[in-house]
C-alpha atoms as a PDB file:
ATOM      1  CA  UNK A   1      97.998  80.022  74.430  1.00  0.00           C
ATOM      2  CA  UNK A   2      96.144  77.986  71.813  1.00  0.00           C
ATOM      3  CA  UNK A   3      99.340  77.341  69.856  1.00  0.00           C
ATOM      4  CA  UNK A   4     101.037  76.202  73.047  1.00  0.00           C
ATOM      5  CA  UNK A   5      98.142  73.784  73.534  1.00  0.00           C
ATOM      6  CA  UNK A   6      99.010  72.143  70.201  1.00  0.00           C
ATOM      7  CA  UNK A   7      96.408  73.701  67.901  1.00  0.00           C
ATOM      8  CA  UNK A   8      97.265  74.935  64.420  1.00  0.00           C
ATOM      9  CA  UNK A   9      96.965  78.609  63.575  1.00  0.00           C
ATOM     10  CA  UNK A  10      93.768  78.089  61.560  1.00  0.00           C
ATOM     11  CA  UNK A  11      92.180  76.007  64.325  1.00  0.00           C
ATOM     12  CA  UNK A  12      93.174  78.647  66.879  1.00  0.00           C
ATOM     13  CA  UNK A  13      91.542  81.387  64.808  1.00  0.00           C
ATOM     14  CA  UNK A  14      88.405  79.265  64.513  1.00  0.00           C
ATOM     15  CA  UNK A  15      88.268  78.916  68.299  1.00  0.00           C
ATOM     16  CA  UNK A  16      88.657  82.663  68.661  1.00  0.00           C
ATOM     17  CA  UNK A  17      85.904  83.182  66.097  1.00  0.00           C
ATOM     18  CA  UNK A  18      83.503  81.030  68.093  1.00  0.00           C
ATOM     19  CA  UNK A  19      84.458  82.895  71.271  1.00  0.00           C
ATOM     20  CA  UNK A  20      83.994  86.434  69.916  1.00  0.00           C
ATOM     21  CA  UNK A  21      80.644  88.143  70.391  1.00  0.00           C
ATOM     22  CA  UNK A  22      81.173  91.488  68.614  1.00  0.00           C
ATOM     23  CA  UNK A  23      80.281  91.656  64.915  1.00  0.00           C
ATOM     24  CA  UNK A  24      83.534  93.454  64.054  1.00  0.00           C
ATOM     25  CA  UNK A  25      85.659  90.842  65.843  1.00  0.00           C
ATOM     26  CA  UNK A  26      83.767  88.029  64.147  1.00  0.00           C
ATOM     27  CA  UNK A  27      84.325  89.641  60.757  1.00  0.00           C
ATOM     28  CA  UNK A  28      88.071  89.942  61.385  1.00  0.00           C
ATOM     29  CA  UNK A  29      88.475  86.366  62.604  1.00  0.00           C
ATOM     30  CA  UNK A  30      86.333  85.103  59.715  1.00  0.00           C
ATOM     31  CA  UNK A  31      88.580  86.931  57.239  1.00  0.00           C
ATOM     32  CA  UNK A  32      91.675  85.482  58.908  1.00  0.00           C
ATOM     33  CA  UNK A  33      90.293  81.964  58.829  1.00  0.00           C
ATOM     34  CA  UNK A  34      89.211  82.191  55.175  1.00  0.00           C
ATOM     35  CA  UNK A  35      92.736  83.276  54.207  1.00  0.00           C
ATOM     36  CA  UNK A  36      94.474  80.658  56.340  1.00  0.00           C
ATOM     37  CA  UNK A  37      92.513  77.706  54.938  1.00  0.00           C
ATOM     38  CA  UNK A  38      93.696  78.737  51.471  1.00  0.00           C
ATOM     39  CA  UNK A  39      97.251  78.048  52.626  1.00  0.00           C
ATOM     40  CA  UNK A  40      98.516  81.601  53.183  1.00  0.00           C
ATOM     41  CA  UNK A  41     100.811  82.298  56.151  1.00  0.00           C
ATOM     42  CA  UNK A  42      99.427  83.916  59.270  1.00  0.00           C
ATOM     43  CA  UNK A  43     101.298  87.167  58.568  1.00  0.00           C
ATOM     44  CA  UNK A  44      99.700  87.410  55.122  1.00  0.00           C
ATOM     45  CA  UNK A  45      96.258  86.774  56.603  1.00  0.00           C
ATOM     46  CA  UNK A  46      96.788  89.559  59.121  1.00  0.00           C
ATOM     47  CA  UNK A  47      97.939  91.947  56.402  1.00  0.00           C
ATOM     48  CA  UNK A  48      94.908  91.252  54.194  1.00  0.00           C
ATOM     49  CA  UNK A  49      92.499  92.348  56.919  1.00  0.00           C
ATOM     50  CA  UNK A  50      93.964  95.858  56.848  1.00  0.00           C
ATOM     51  CA  UNK A  51      93.410  96.119  60.612  1.00  0.00           C
ATOM     52  CA  UNK A  52      96.638  95.031  62.292  1.00  0.00           C
ATOM     53  CA  UNK A  53      99.715  97.290  62.569  1.00  0.00           C
ATOM     54  CA  UNK A  54     102.694  96.797  60.274  1.00  0.00           C
ATOM     55  CA  UNK A  55     104.970  96.196  63.242  1.00  0.00           C
ATOM     56  CA  UNK A  56     102.915  93.207  64.393  1.00  0.00           C
ATOM     57  CA  UNK A  57     102.700  91.770  60.877  1.00  0.00           C
ATOM     58  CA  UNK A  58     106.434  92.098  60.312  1.00  0.00           C
ATOM     59  CA  UNK A  59     107.318  90.554  63.661  1.00  0.00           C
ATOM     60  CA  UNK A  60     104.996  87.593  63.043  1.00  0.00           C
ATOM     61  CA  UNK A  61     106.517  87.142  59.592  1.00  0.00           C
ATOM     62  CA  UNK A  62     109.971  86.975  61.208  1.00  0.00           C
ATOM     63  CA  UNK A  63     108.643  84.510  63.812  1.00  0.00           C
ATOM     64  CA  UNK A  64     107.282  82.288  61.045  1.00  0.00           C
ATOM     65  CA  UNK A  65     110.577  82.301  59.161  1.00  0.00           C
ATOM     66  CA  UNK A  66     112.641  81.538  62.277  1.00  0.00           C
ATOM     67  CA  UNK A  67     110.220  78.930  63.643  1.00  0.00           C
ATOM     68  CA  UNK A  68     109.520  81.032  66.763  1.00  0.00           C
ATOM     69  CA  UNK A  69     105.938  82.083  66.089  1.00  0.00           C
ATOM     70  CA  UNK A  70     104.649  81.133  69.531  1.00  0.00           C
ATOM     71  CA  UNK A  71     107.417  83.046  71.304  1.00  0.00           C
ATOM     72  CA  UNK A  72     106.872  86.028  69.027  1.00  0.00           C
ATOM     73  CA  UNK A  73     103.137  86.099  69.711  1.00  0.00           C
ATOM     74  CA  UNK A  74     103.785  85.895  73.443  1.00  0.00           C
ATOM     75  CA  UNK A  75     106.262  88.774  73.254  1.00  0.00           C
ATOM     76  CA  UNK A  76     103.875  90.837  71.123  1.00  0.00           C
ATOM     77  CA  UNK A  77     101.124  90.267  73.662  1.00  0.00           C
ATOM     78  CA  UNK A  78     103.351  91.581  76.429  1.00  0.00           C
ATOM     79  CA  UNK A  79     104.406  94.512  74.236  1.00  0.00           C
ATOM     80  CA  UNK A  80     100.858  95.706  73.594  1.00  0.00           C
ATOM     81  CA  UNK A  81      99.891  95.170  77.229  1.00  0.00           C
ATOM     82  CA  UNK A  82     102.779  97.419  78.245  1.00  0.00           C
ATOM     83  CA  UNK A  83     101.706 100.014  75.685  1.00  0.00           C
ATOM     84  CA  UNK A  84      98.150  99.916  77.009  1.00  0.00           C
ATOM     85  CA  UNK A  85      99.276 100.235  80.620  1.00  0.00           C
ATOM     86  CA  UNK A  86     101.502 103.189  79.741  1.00  0.00           C
ATOM     87  CA  UNK A  87      98.747 104.928  77.774  1.00  0.00           C
ATOM     88  CA  UNK A  88      96.324 104.383  80.663  1.00  0.00           C
ATOM     89  CA  UNK A  89      98.845 105.763  83.162  1.00  0.00           C
ATOM     90  CA  UNK A  90      99.321 108.902  81.061  1.00  0.00           C
ATOM     91  CA  UNK A  91      95.558 109.317  80.598  1.00  0.00           C
ATOM     92  CA  UNK A  92      94.885 108.978  84.320  1.00  0.00           C
ATOM     93  CA  UNK A  93      97.699 111.373  85.169  1.00  0.00           C
ATOM     94  CA  UNK A  94      96.082 114.041  82.976  1.00  0.00           C
ATOM     95  CA  UNK A  95      92.407 113.329  83.705  1.00  0.00           C
ATOM     96  CA  UNK A  96      92.276 113.932  87.465  1.00  0.00           C
ATOM     97  CA  UNK A  97      94.209 117.245  87.477  1.00  0.00           C
ATOM     98  CA  UNK A  98      92.093 118.418  84.527  1.00  0.00           C
ATOM     99  CA  UNK A  99      88.858 117.658  86.422  1.00  0.00           C
ATOM    100  CA  UNK A 100      90.246 119.363  89.525  1.00  0.00           C
ATOM    101  CA  UNK A 101      91.184 122.455  87.502  1.00  0.00           C
ATOM    102  CA  UNK A 102      87.736 122.549  85.887  1.00  0.00           C
ATOM    103  CA  UNK A 103      86.019 122.350  89.269  1.00  0.00           C
ATOM    104  CA  UNK A 104      88.218 125.147  90.583  1.00  0.00           C
ATOM    105  CA  UNK A 105      87.265 127.361  87.638  1.00  0.00           C
ATOM    106  CA  UNK A 106      83.553 126.594  88.119  1.00  0.00           C
ATOM    107  CA  UNK A 107      83.701 127.469  91.833  1.00  0.00           C
ATOM    108  CA  UNK A 108      85.492 130.757  91.167  1.00  0.00           C
ATOM    109  CA  UNK A 109      83.051 131.714  88.378  1.00  0.00           C
ATOM    110  CA  UNK A 110      80.047 131.008  90.640  1.00  0.00           C
ATOM    111  CA  UNK A 111      81.573 133.131  93.386  1.00  0.00           C
ATOM    112  CA  UNK A 112      82.263 136.169  91.215  1.00  0.00           C
ATOM    113  CA  UNK A 113      79.062 135.924  89.131  1.00  0.00           C
ATOM    114  CA  UNK A 114      76.476 134.904  91.742  1.00  0.00           C
ATOM    115  CA  UNK A 115      77.806 135.434  95.258  1.00  0.00           C
ATOM    116  CA  UNK A 116      79.627 138.770  95.009  1.00  0.00           C
ATOM    117  CA  UNK A 117      76.621 140.721  93.639  1.00  0.00           C
ATOM    118  CA  UNK A 118      74.544 139.544  96.621  1.00  0.00           C
ATOM    119  CA  UNK A 119      77.120 140.845  99.088  1.00  0.00           C
ATOM    120  CA  UNK A 120      77.404 144.053  97.082  1.00  0.00           C
ATOM    121  CA  UNK A 121      73.671 144.684  97.547  1.00  0.00           C
ATOM    122  CA  UNK A 122      73.974 143.987 101.262  1.00  0.00           C
ATOM    123  CA  UNK A 123      76.860 146.448 101.623  1.00  0.00           C
ATOM    124  CA  UNK A 124      74.968 149.090  99.623  1.00  0.00           C
ATOM    125  CA  UNK A 125      72.018 148.829 102.013  1.00  0.00           C
ATOM    126  CA  UNK A 126      74.385 149.168 104.951  1.00  0.00           C
ATOM    127  CA  UNK A 127      76.048 152.213 103.393  1.00  0.00           C
ATOM    128  CA  UNK A 128      79.401 150.443 102.897  1.00  0.00           C
ATOM    129  CA  UNK A 129      81.513 149.253 100.011  1.00  0.00           C
ATOM    130  CA  UNK A 130      83.208 146.000  99.228  1.00  0.00           C
ATOM    131  CA  UNK A 131      86.963 145.564  99.151  1.00  0.00           C
ATOM    132  CA  UNK A 132      88.524 146.895  95.892  1.00  0.00           C
ATOM    133  CA  UNK A 133      89.619 143.381  94.933  1.00  0.00           C
ATOM    134  CA  UNK A 134      86.100 142.024  95.400  1.00  0.00           C
ATOM    135  CA  UNK A 135      84.702 144.985  93.468  1.00  0.00           C
ATOM    136  CA  UNK A 136      86.995 144.349  90.503  1.00  0.00           C
ATOM    137  CA  UNK A 137      86.172 140.631  90.586  1.00  0.00           C
ATOM    138  CA  UNK A 138      82.455 141.466  90.606  1.00  0.00           C
ATOM    139  CA  UNK A 139      82.908 143.736  87.585  1.00  0.00           C
ATOM    140  CA  UNK A 140      84.718 140.903  85.827  1.00  0.00           C
ATOM    141  CA  UNK A 141      81.843 138.589  86.770  1.00  0.00           C
ATOM    142  CA  UNK A 142      79.395 141.066  85.258  1.00  0.00           C
ATOM    143  CA  UNK A 143      81.389 141.071  82.045  1.00  0.00           C
ATOM    144  CA  UNK A 144      81.290 137.276  82.032  1.00  0.00           C
ATOM    145  CA  UNK A 145      77.512 137.323  82.449  1.00  0.00           C
ATOM    146  CA  UNK A 146      77.055 139.805  79.615  1.00  0.00           C
ATOM    147  CA  UNK A 147      79.407 137.866  77.343  1.00  0.00           C
ATOM    148  CA  UNK A 148      77.978 134.458  78.240  1.00  0.00           C
ATOM    149  CA  UNK A 149      76.467 133.932  74.779  1.00  0.00           C
ATOM    150  CA  UNK A 150      79.711 134.810  73.018  1.00  0.00           C
ATOM    151  CA  UNK A 151      81.752 132.647  75.374  1.00  0.00           C
ATOM    152  CA  UNK A 152      79.370 129.733  74.750  1.00  0.00           C
ATOM    153  CA  UNK A 153      79.847 130.161  70.993  1.00  0.00           C
ATOM    154  CA  UNK A 154      83.630 130.222  71.380  1.00  0.00           C
ATOM    155  CA  UNK A 155      83.582 127.032  73.478  1.00  0.00           C
ATOM    156  CA  UNK A 156      81.253 125.386  70.949  1.00  0.00           C
ATOM    157  CA  UNK A 157      83.696 126.234  68.151  1.00  0.00           C
ATOM    158  CA  UNK A 158      86.633 124.914  70.192  1.00  0.00           C
ATOM    159  CA  UNK A 159      84.722 121.720  70.948  1.00  0.00           C
ATOM    160  CA  UNK A 160      83.861 121.288  67.261  1.00  0.00           C
ATOM    161  CA  UNK A 161      87.504 121.785  66.283  1.00  0.00           C
ATOM    162  CA  UNK A 162      88.636 119.251  68.880  1.00  0.00           C
ATOM    163  CA  UNK A 163      86.025 116.807  67.610  1.00  0.00           C
ATOM    164  CA  UNK A 164      87.266 117.249  64.039  1.00  0.00           C
ATOM    165  CA  UNK A 165      90.850 116.763  65.183  1.00  0.00           C
ATOM    166  CA  UNK A 166      89.862 113.533  66.913  1.00  0.00           C
ATOM    167  CA  UNK A 167      87.671 112.081  64.160  1.00  0.00           C
ATOM    168  CA  UNK A 168      89.668 113.091  61.060  1.00  0.00           C
ATOM    169  CA  UNK A 169      92.728 110.841  60.998  1.00  0.00           C
ATOM    170  CA  UNK A 170      95.001 113.060  58.799  1.00  0.00           C
ATOM    171  CA  UNK A 171      94.354 116.079  61.015  1.00  0.00           C
ATOM    172  CA  UNK A 172      94.903 114.048  64.188  1.00  0.00           C
ATOM    173  CA  UNK A 173      98.142 112.585  62.859  1.00  0.00           C
ATOM    174  CA  UNK A 174      99.369 116.001  61.746  1.00  0.00           C
ATOM    175  CA  UNK A 175      98.781 117.506  65.180  1.00  0.00           C
ATOM    176  CA  UNK A 176     100.397 114.506  66.858  1.00  0.00           C
ATOM    177  CA  UNK A 177     103.389 114.873  64.549  1.00  0.00           C
ATOM    178  CA  UNK A 178     103.719 118.589  65.326  1.00  0.00           C
ATOM    179  CA  UNK A 179     103.492 117.892  69.055  1.00  0.00           C
ATOM    180  CA  UNK A 180     106.083 115.120  68.766  1.00  0.00           C
ATOM    181  CA  UNK A 181     108.453 117.353  66.834  1.00  0.00           C
ATOM    182  CA  UNK A 182     108.170 120.003  69.540  1.00  0.00           C
ATOM    183  CA  UNK A 183     108.075 117.901  72.713  1.00  0.00           C
ATOM    184  CA  UNK A 184     108.592 114.256  71.727  1.00  0.00           C
ATOM    185  CA  UNK A 185     112.281 114.184  72.601  1.00  0.00           C
ATOM    186  CA  UNK A 186     112.123 116.226  75.814  1.00  0.00           C
ATOM    187  CA  UNK A 187     111.533 115.266  79.412  1.00  0.00           C
ATOM    188  CA  UNK A 188     109.139 112.443  80.113  1.00  0.00           C
ATOM    189  CA  UNK A 189     108.159 112.134  76.441  1.00  0.00           C
ATOM    190  CA  UNK A 190     111.768 111.546  75.441  1.00  0.00           C
ATOM    191  CA  UNK A 191     112.101 108.870  78.103  1.00  0.00           C
ATOM    192  CA  UNK A 192     108.899 107.203  76.906  1.00  0.00           C
ATOM    193  CA  UNK A 193     110.247 107.154  73.331  1.00  0.00           C
ATOM    194  CA  UNK A 194     113.533 105.612  74.520  1.00  0.00           C
ATOM    195  CA  UNK A 195     111.677 103.024  76.602  1.00  0.00           C
ATOM    196  CA  UNK A 196     109.538 102.026  73.614  1.00  0.00           C
ATOM    197  CA  UNK A 197     112.578 101.779  71.365  1.00  0.00           C
ATOM    198  CA  UNK A 198     114.511  99.591  73.796  1.00  0.00           C
ATOM    199  CA  UNK A 199     111.580  97.239  74.330  1.00  0.00           C
ATOM    200  CA  UNK A 200     110.815  97.015  70.599  1.00  0.00           C
ATOM    201  CA  UNK A 201     114.503  96.300  69.976  1.00  0.00           C
ATOM    202  CA  UNK A 202     114.459  93.592  72.650  1.00  0.00           C
ATOM    203  CA  UNK A 203     111.390  91.997  71.118  1.00  0.00           C
ATOM    204  CA  UNK A 204     112.826  92.080  67.588  1.00  0.00           C
ATOM    205  CA  UNK A 205     116.123  90.520  68.685  1.00  0.00           C
ATOM    206  CA  UNK A 206     114.288  87.837  70.688  1.00  0.00           C
ATOM    207  CA  UNK A 207     112.285  86.964  67.567  1.00  0.00           C
ATOM    208  CA  UNK A 208     115.439  86.026  65.664  1.00  0.00           C
ATOM    209  CA  UNK A 209     116.161  89.215  63.728  1.00  0.00           C
ATOM    210  CA  UNK A 210     119.729  90.453  63.363  1.00  0.00           C
ATOM    211  CA  UNK A 211     120.736  93.605  65.209  1.00  0.00           C
ATOM    212  CA  UNK A 212     120.610  95.971  62.225  1.00  0.00           C
ATOM    213  CA  UNK A 213     117.121  94.872  61.174  1.00  0.00           C
ATOM    214  CA  UNK A 214     115.996  94.963  64.805  1.00  0.00           C
ATOM    215  CA  UNK A 215     117.053  98.601  65.066  1.00  0.00           C
ATOM    216  CA  UNK A 216     115.188  99.461  61.859  1.00  0.00           C
ATOM    217  CA  UNK A 217     111.942  97.862  62.996  1.00  0.00           C
ATOM    218  CA  UNK A 218     112.237  99.332  66.510  1.00  0.00           C
ATOM    219  CA  UNK A 219     112.784 102.793  64.996  1.00  0.00           C
ATOM    220  CA  UNK A 220     109.571 102.475  62.987  1.00  0.00           C
ATOM    221  CA  UNK A 221     107.599 101.566  66.107  1.00  0.00           C
ATOM    222  CA  UNK A 222     108.943 104.161  68.536  1.00  0.00           C
ATOM    223  CA  UNK A 223     109.698 107.069  66.194  1.00  0.00           C
ATOM    224  CA  UNK A 224     107.488 110.063  65.595  1.00  0.00           C
ATOM    225  CA  UNK A 225     109.550 113.199  66.015  1.00  0.00           C
ATOM    226  CA  UNK A 226     112.493 114.505  64.030  1.00  0.00           C
ATOM    227  CA  UNK A 227     114.867 114.472  66.991  1.00  0.00           C
ATOM    228  CA  UNK A 228     113.922 110.928  68.047  1.00  0.00           C
ATOM    229  CA  UNK A 229     114.128 109.662  64.456  1.00  0.00           C
ATOM    230  CA  UNK A 230     117.541 111.282  64.142  1.00  0.00           C
ATOM    231  CA  UNK A 231     118.729 109.407  67.241  1.00  0.00           C
ATOM    232  CA  UNK A 232     117.595 106.113  65.717  1.00  0.00           C
ATOM    233  CA  UNK A 233     119.320 106.968  62.433  1.00  0.00           C
ATOM    234  CA  UNK A 234     122.527 107.858  64.274  1.00  0.00           C
ATOM    235  CA  UNK A 235     122.390 104.563  66.191  1.00  0.00           C
ATOM    236  CA  UNK A 236     121.992 102.563  62.958  1.00  0.00           C
ATOM    237  CA  UNK A 237     124.896 104.422  61.301  1.00  0.00           C
ATOM    238  CA  UNK A 238     127.186 103.891  64.295  1.00  0.00           C
ATOM    239  CA  UNK A 239     126.359 100.188  64.292  1.00  0.00           C
ATOM    240  CA  UNK A 240     127.164  99.921  60.580  1.00  0.00           C
ATOM    241  CA  UNK A 241     130.457 101.724  61.242  1.00  0.00           C
ATOM    242  CA  UNK A 242     131.610  98.861  63.460  1.00  0.00           C
ATOM    243  CA  UNK A 243     130.585 100.072  66.903  1.00  0.00           C
ATOM    244  CA  UNK A 244     129.001  97.645  69.325  1.00  0.00           C
ATOM    245  CA  UNK A 245     125.306  97.827  70.086  1.00  0.00           C
ATOM    246  CA  UNK A 246     125.892  99.299  73.544  1.00  0.00           C
ATOM    247  CA  UNK A 247     128.276 101.940  72.158  1.00  0.00           C
ATOM    248  CA  UNK A 248     125.839 102.857  69.387  1.00  0.00           C
ATOM    249  CA  UNK A 249     122.865 103.187  71.724  1.00  0.00           C
ATOM    250  CA  UNK A 250     124.859 105.238  74.215  1.00  0.00           C
ATOM    251  CA  UNK A 251     126.423 107.562  71.627  1.00  0.00           C
ATOM    252  CA  UNK A 252     123.013 108.165  70.026  1.00  0.00           C
ATOM    253  CA  UNK A 253     121.591 109.243  73.385  1.00  0.00           C
ATOM    254  CA  UNK A 254     119.098 106.379  73.615  1.00  0.00           C
ATOM    255  CA  UNK A 255     120.657 104.585  76.596  1.00  0.00           C
ATOM    256  CA  UNK A 256     122.261 106.083  79.667  1.00  0.00           C
ATOM    257  CA  UNK A 257     125.881 105.270  80.440  1.00  0.00           C
ATOM    258  CA  UNK A 258     124.781 102.844  83.177  1.00  0.00           C
ATOM    259  CA  UNK A 259     122.382 100.974  80.889  1.00  0.00           C
ATOM    260  CA  UNK A 260     124.971 100.872  78.115  1.00  0.00           C
ATOM    261  CA  UNK A 261     127.487  99.357  80.540  1.00  0.00           C
ATOM    262  CA  UNK A 262     124.945  96.723  81.571  1.00  0.00           C
ATOM    263  CA  UNK A 263     124.317  95.854  77.915  1.00  0.00           C
ATOM    264  CA  UNK A 264     128.050  95.692  77.230  1.00  0.00           C
ATOM    265  CA  UNK A 265     128.571  93.247  80.101  1.00  0.00           C
ATOM    266  CA  UNK A 266     125.591  91.206  78.922  1.00  0.00           C
ATOM    267  CA  UNK A 267     126.997  91.042  75.383  1.00  0.00           C
ATOM    268  CA  UNK A 268     130.384  89.878  76.639  1.00  0.00           C
ATOM    269  CA  UNK A 269     128.764  87.125  78.702  1.00  0.00           C
ATOM    270  CA  UNK A 270     126.517  86.065  75.816  1.00  0.00           C
ATOM    271  CA  UNK A 271     123.348  87.314  77.518  1.00  0.00           C
ATOM    272  CA  UNK A 272     122.624  90.463  75.566  1.00  0.00           C
ATOM    273  CA  UNK A 273     118.940  89.558  75.246  1.00  0.00           C
ATOM    274  CA  UNK A 274     118.570  89.235  79.026  1.00  0.00           C
ATOM    275  CA  UNK A 275     120.416  92.517  79.555  1.00  0.00           C
ATOM    276  CA  UNK A 276     118.154  94.278  77.052  1.00  0.00           C
ATOM    277  CA  UNK A 277     115.058  92.844  78.741  1.00  0.00           C
ATOM    278  CA  UNK A 278     116.275  94.082  82.137  1.00  0.00           C
ATOM    279  CA  UNK A 279     117.091  97.528  80.735  1.00  0.00           C
ATOM    280  CA  UNK A 280     113.628  97.681  79.183  1.00  0.00           C
ATOM    281  CA  UNK A 281     112.013  96.691  82.491  1.00  0.00           C
ATOM    282  CA  UNK A 282     113.963  99.338  84.401  1.00  0.00           C
ATOM    283  CA  UNK A 283     113.121 102.024  81.838  1.00  0.00           C
ATOM    284  CA  UNK A 284     109.445 101.126  82.058  1.00  0.00           C
ATOM    285  CA  UNK A 285     109.502 101.418  85.853  1.00  0.00           C
ATOM    286  CA  UNK A 286     111.398 104.710  85.612  1.00  0.00           C
ATOM    287  CA  UNK A 287     108.810 106.184  83.246  1.00  0.00           C
ATOM    288  CA  UNK A 288     105.955 105.122  85.518  1.00  0.00           C
ATOM    289  CA  UNK A 289     107.705 106.598  88.555  1.00  0.00           C
ATOM    290  CA  UNK A 290     108.215 109.875  86.685  1.00  0.00           C
ATOM    291  CA  UNK A 291     104.530 110.041  85.770  1.00  0.00           C
ATOM    292  CA  UNK A 292     103.556 109.331  89.382  1.00  0.00           C
ATOM    293  CA  UNK A 293     105.865 112.097  90.614  1.00  0.00           C
ATOM    294  CA  UNK A 294     104.361 114.588  88.156  1.00  0.00           C
ATOM    295  CA  UNK A 295     100.835 113.715  89.260  1.00  0.00           C
ATOM    296  CA  UNK A 296     101.859 113.833  92.914  1.00  0.00           C
ATOM    297  CA  UNK A 297     103.164 117.366  92.353  1.00  0.00           C
ATOM    298  CA  UNK A 298     100.280 118.668  90.238  1.00  0.00           C
ATOM    299  CA  UNK A 299      97.428 117.604  92.484  1.00  0.00           C
ATOM    300  CA  UNK A 300      98.490 119.403  95.698  1.00  0.00           C
ATOM    301  CA  UNK A 301      99.504 122.442  93.636  1.00  0.00           C
ATOM    302  CA  UNK A 302      96.006 122.726  92.195  1.00  0.00           C
ATOM    303  CA  UNK A 303      94.430 122.175  95.629  1.00  0.00           C
ATOM    304  CA  UNK A 304      96.615 124.889  97.190  1.00  0.00           C
ATOM    305  CA  UNK A 305      95.969 127.268  94.293  1.00  0.00           C
ATOM    306  CA  UNK A 306      92.206 126.781  94.443  1.00  0.00           C
ATOM    307  CA  UNK A 307      92.209 127.221  98.226  1.00  0.00           C
ATOM    308  CA  UNK A 308      94.190 130.458  97.971  1.00  0.00           C
ATOM    309  CA  UNK A 309      91.970 131.896  95.221  1.00  0.00           C
ATOM    310  CA  UNK A 310      88.684 130.996  96.925  1.00  0.00           C
ATOM    311  CA  UNK A 311      90.036 132.113 100.290  1.00  0.00           C
ATOM    312  CA  UNK A 312      91.150 135.480  98.883  1.00  0.00           C
ATOM    313  CA  UNK A 313      87.710 136.068  97.363  1.00  0.00           C
ATOM    314  CA  UNK A 314      85.902 135.176 100.582  1.00  0.00           C
ATOM    315  CA  UNK A 315      88.239 137.303 102.718  1.00  0.00           C
ATOM    316  CA  UNK A 316      87.758 140.281 100.426  1.00  0.00           C
ATOM    317  CA  UNK A 317      84.027 139.961 101.060  1.00  0.00           C
ATOM    318  CA  UNK A 318      84.039 139.046 104.746  1.00  0.00           C
ATOM    319  CA  UNK A 319      86.593 141.550 106.060  1.00  0.00           C
ATOM    320  CA  UNK A 320      84.440 144.630 105.323  1.00  0.00           C
ATOM    321  CA  UNK A 321      81.480 142.825 106.850  1.00  0.00           C
ATOM    322  CA  UNK A 322      83.505 142.138 109.997  1.00  0.00           C
ATOM    323  CA  UNK A 323      84.388 145.853 110.113  1.00  0.00           C
ATOM    324  CA  UNK A 324      80.695 146.770 109.934  1.00  0.00           C
ATOM    325  CA  UNK A 325      79.820 144.289 112.673  1.00  0.00           C
ATOM    326  CA  UNK A 326      82.591 145.682 114.854  1.00  0.00           C
ATOM    327  CA  UNK A 327      81.349 149.274 114.345  1.00  0.00           C
ATOM    328  CA  UNK A 328      77.779 148.227 115.178  1.00  0.00           C
ATOM    329  CA  UNK A 329      78.944 146.304 118.242  1.00  0.00           C
END
């Protein structure tokens, strides 16, 4: 926005520095400004901070060389906003079902640890017995009570391990890599990887890069698993072999036949960039719809499951009581 207003890069950074309130942000903008006033390009200043991702630095370098820095920055802004929205959608889709599952577990544990023993005492005084299911659940609740200290230790160890995984970058990256190798190319995760690749490719091409270099930079951004990386490698090899971009993306399994046809028509009409942007938009919407459908299916499933479990426990307790009341009546 500041560049569009006619300011230089160094002046824009100075404005941002005056606007920032956090000490870390001020330190970053100060480092950028000190490098820029020495005459270094913006991409070099970003690289020297050691904070910004390689993808951003490379794209800005291309924008500087092609004279399209403002357009590149605008596209990068949209790119990272999309990434943030997608990450937030995934986080929200996992958070609510996880809380619901935790609450269900807490309710069931309270029932079998606290409530069932009370009813067992009542039945014993009345000379009756609880339902066999309720009796077995109560025995399991007793085991949970006796093993509470050990269970607490196990959960503390698990929490410590999760904390280490989160705080230690090499461990976190290794686990993420293993997960990506196992699931990164399947289902919704595979579609997310394809969506990221297509958008990164669109952004690179719009910044003035040739198709081959655009594929390389997009592969670095959206890769992460062996299968996905192999698709990107196959696409690059097919393109070098003389295939068109749409044929290469389709044969590598990155684009569907419909999207590849749209890109082919766009290339023939000289509007490949617009076709790629539309394909990226549709893929983004498709991924969001898939996440919404998963959440929409998980939530009622957990509600039904919790209702059935709690209902079964209560029925196993109440039915004998109803039998006693009937006999008394």
